[in-house]
Amino acid sequence: MAVWRVVLLLNLALAVGVGWGYVFWGRRAERLGRELTQARAAAALTGEREYHVTGVVRAVLADISVVVITHDEIPGYMPSMTMGFRSASPKIHDAIRAGDAVRFTLKGTLPNLAITAIEPARPGTGGEAR
């Protein structure tokens, strides 16, 4: 085989390899750019939040500062369910007992929310027993 053909084939192989490399890394860089944009958007949502929710108290665990509540949907955070929430103050436990329909305020950064205020629900506000 002539030397010029070998040189031509090597140059062609090099050009194809470099071309594929640019395509591969370009797509990867584009994907990484999208992921970075999404991560920045998620970081913007991590500031302190406050939610006002209605529900029914199922248990008060004062020794570990937890109130178990069957709550309505928390828009933008979670669907309705029964779960325990930390309470920000021991005084919160004094105002409630199991079976009470309540309105409460959750405050904090996701997912570390705590009940900062709680009061009996007024009739017709959605906090009736389920």
Protein backbone atom coordinates (compact mmCIF):
# COMPACT_ATOMS: atom_id res chain seq x y z
CA MET A 1 0.00 0.00 0.00
CA ALA A 2 1.29 3.41 -0.90
CA VAL A 3 2.38 5.73 1.88
CA TRP A 4 -0.04 8.46 0.76
CA ARG A 5 -2.97 6.01 1.18
CA VAL A 6 -1.88 5.13 4.72
CA VAL A 7 -1.58 8.82 5.59
CA LEU A 8 -4.97 9.53 4.04
CA LEU A 9 -6.65 6.67 5.97
CA LEU A 10 -5.02 7.74 9.24
CA ASN A 11 -6.14 11.36 8.72
CA LEU A 12 -9.66 10.19 7.87
CA ALA A 13 -9.81 7.97 10.97
CA LEU A 14 -8.52 10.84 13.11
CA ALA A 15 -11.09 13.26 11.67
CA VAL A 16 -13.96 10.79 12.28
CA GLY A 17 -12.75 10.11 15.83
CA VAL A 18 -12.43 13.79 16.68
CA GLY A 19 -15.84 14.49 15.12
CA TRP A 20 -17.52 11.78 17.20
CA GLY A 21 -15.73 13.09 20.28
CA TYR A 22 -17.08 16.60 19.77
CA VAL A 23 -20.60 15.25 19.23
CA PHE A 24 -20.41 13.04 22.32
CA TRP A 25 -18.91 15.68 24.63
CA GLY A 26 -21.15 18.40 23.22
CA ARG A 27 -24.28 16.40 24.08
CA ARG A 28 -22.89 15.59 27.49
CA ALA A 29 -22.08 19.25 28.16
CA GLU A 30 -25.61 20.23 27.06
CA ARG A 31 -27.13 17.64 29.45
CA LEU A 32 -24.90 18.83 32.29
CA GLY A 33 -25.98 22.41 31.58
CA ARG A 34 -29.66 21.41 31.86
CA GLU A 35 -28.98 19.55 35.12
CA LEU A 36 -27.18 22.61 36.51
CA THR A 37 -30.16 24.80 35.62
CA GLN A 38 -32.52 22.37 37.34
CA ALA A 39 -30.29 22.21 40.42
CA ARG A 40 -30.23 26.00 40.64
CA ALA A 41 -34.03 26.10 40.37
CA ALA A 42 -34.33 23.50 43.15
CA ALA A 43 -31.89 25.47 45.31
CA ALA A 44 -34.09 28.54 44.93
CA LEU A 45 -36.96 26.57 46.47
CA THR A 46 -34.99 25.57 49.55
CA GLY A 47 -35.55 28.81 51.42
CA GLU A 48 -37.71 28.95 54.51
CA ARG A 49 -41.34 28.10 53.82
CA GLU A 50 -44.57 28.52 55.74
CA TYR A 51 -47.70 26.42 55.25
CA HIS A 52 -51.14 26.85 56.85
CA VAL A 53 -52.91 23.49 57.08
CA THR A 54 -56.00 21.93 58.66
CA GLY A 55 -56.23 18.46 60.15
CA VAL A 56 -57.17 16.26 63.08
CA VAL A 57 -54.79 15.50 65.95
CA ARG A 58 -54.28 11.75 66.33
CA ALA A 59 -51.66 11.74 69.10
CA VAL A 60 -49.53 14.13 71.13
CA LEU A 61 -46.09 12.76 72.00
CA ALA A 62 -44.86 15.52 74.28
CA ASP A 63 -41.79 13.63 75.49
CA ILE A 64 -40.31 13.66 71.96
CA SER A 65 -42.00 16.93 70.83
CA VAL A 66 -44.07 15.30 68.10
CA VAL A 67 -47.72 15.79 67.17
CA VAL A 68 -49.30 13.13 64.93
CA ILE A 69 -51.89 14.72 62.64
CA THR A 70 -54.13 13.53 59.81
CA HIS A 71 -53.77 16.61 57.62
CA ASP A 72 -55.24 17.95 54.39
CA GLU A 73 -53.08 18.43 51.30
CA ILE A 74 -50.16 20.78 51.76
CA PRO A 75 -50.11 22.50 48.34
CA GLY A 76 -46.71 22.23 46.68
CA TYR A 77 -45.35 19.88 49.33
CA MET A 78 -47.36 16.69 50.01
CA PRO A 79 -50.79 15.06 49.67
CA SER A 80 -53.11 14.52 52.62
CA MET A 81 -51.93 11.81 55.02
CA THR A 82 -51.32 10.99 58.67
CA MET A 83 -47.86 11.79 59.93
CA GLY A 84 -45.91 13.20 62.84
CA PHE A 85 -44.60 16.75 62.90
CA ARG A 86 -42.01 18.21 65.22
CA SER A 87 -43.29 21.03 67.38
CA ALA A 88 -41.22 24.18 67.75
CA SER A 89 -42.31 24.76 71.35
CA PRO A 90 -43.52 22.57 74.24
CA LYS A 91 -46.38 25.07 74.77
CA ILE A 92 -47.98 23.74 71.57
CA HIS A 93 -48.75 20.44 73.33
CA ASP A 94 -50.74 22.19 76.07
CA ALA A 95 -53.31 23.60 73.63
CA ILE A 96 -54.35 20.34 71.96
CA ARG A 97 -55.37 16.75 72.60
CA ALA A 98 -56.07 13.70 70.45
CA GLY A 99 -59.26 14.06 68.37
CA ASP A 100 -59.14 17.87 68.09
CA ALA A 101 -59.78 19.39 64.67
CA VAL A 102 -57.04 22.01 64.26
CA ARG A 103 -55.48 24.60 61.98
CA PHE A 104 -51.72 24.66 62.26
CA THR A 105 -48.73 26.44 60.77
CA LEU A 106 -45.67 24.57 59.52
CA LYS A 107 -42.51 26.61 59.12
CA GLY A 108 -38.93 25.80 58.15
CA THR A 109 -36.80 24.65 55.25
CA LEU A 110 -37.87 21.54 53.37
CA PRO A 111 -37.97 18.79 54.61
CA ASN A 112 -37.31 20.07 58.15
CA LEU A 113 -40.65 21.65 58.97
CA ALA A 114 -41.97 22.19 62.49
CA ILE A 115 -45.35 23.23 63.88
CA THR A 116 -44.98 26.83 65.05
CA ALA A 117 -48.65 27.55 65.83
CA ILE A 118 -51.78 25.49 66.34
CA GLU A 119 -55.38 26.40 67.12
CA PRO A 120 -58.78 24.69 67.11
CA ALA A 121 -60.34 24.67 63.64
CA ARG A 122 -63.53 26.64 63.12
CA PRO A 123 -66.44 24.65 61.71
CA GLY A 124 -66.42 24.53 57.91
CA THR A 125 -62.65 25.06 57.49
CA GLY A 126 -61.87 21.51 56.46
CA GLY A 127 -60.37 20.27 59.71
CA GLU A 128 -63.33 18.13 60.75
CA ALA A 129 -62.79 14.56 61.93
CA ARG A 130 -62.38 12.01 59.15
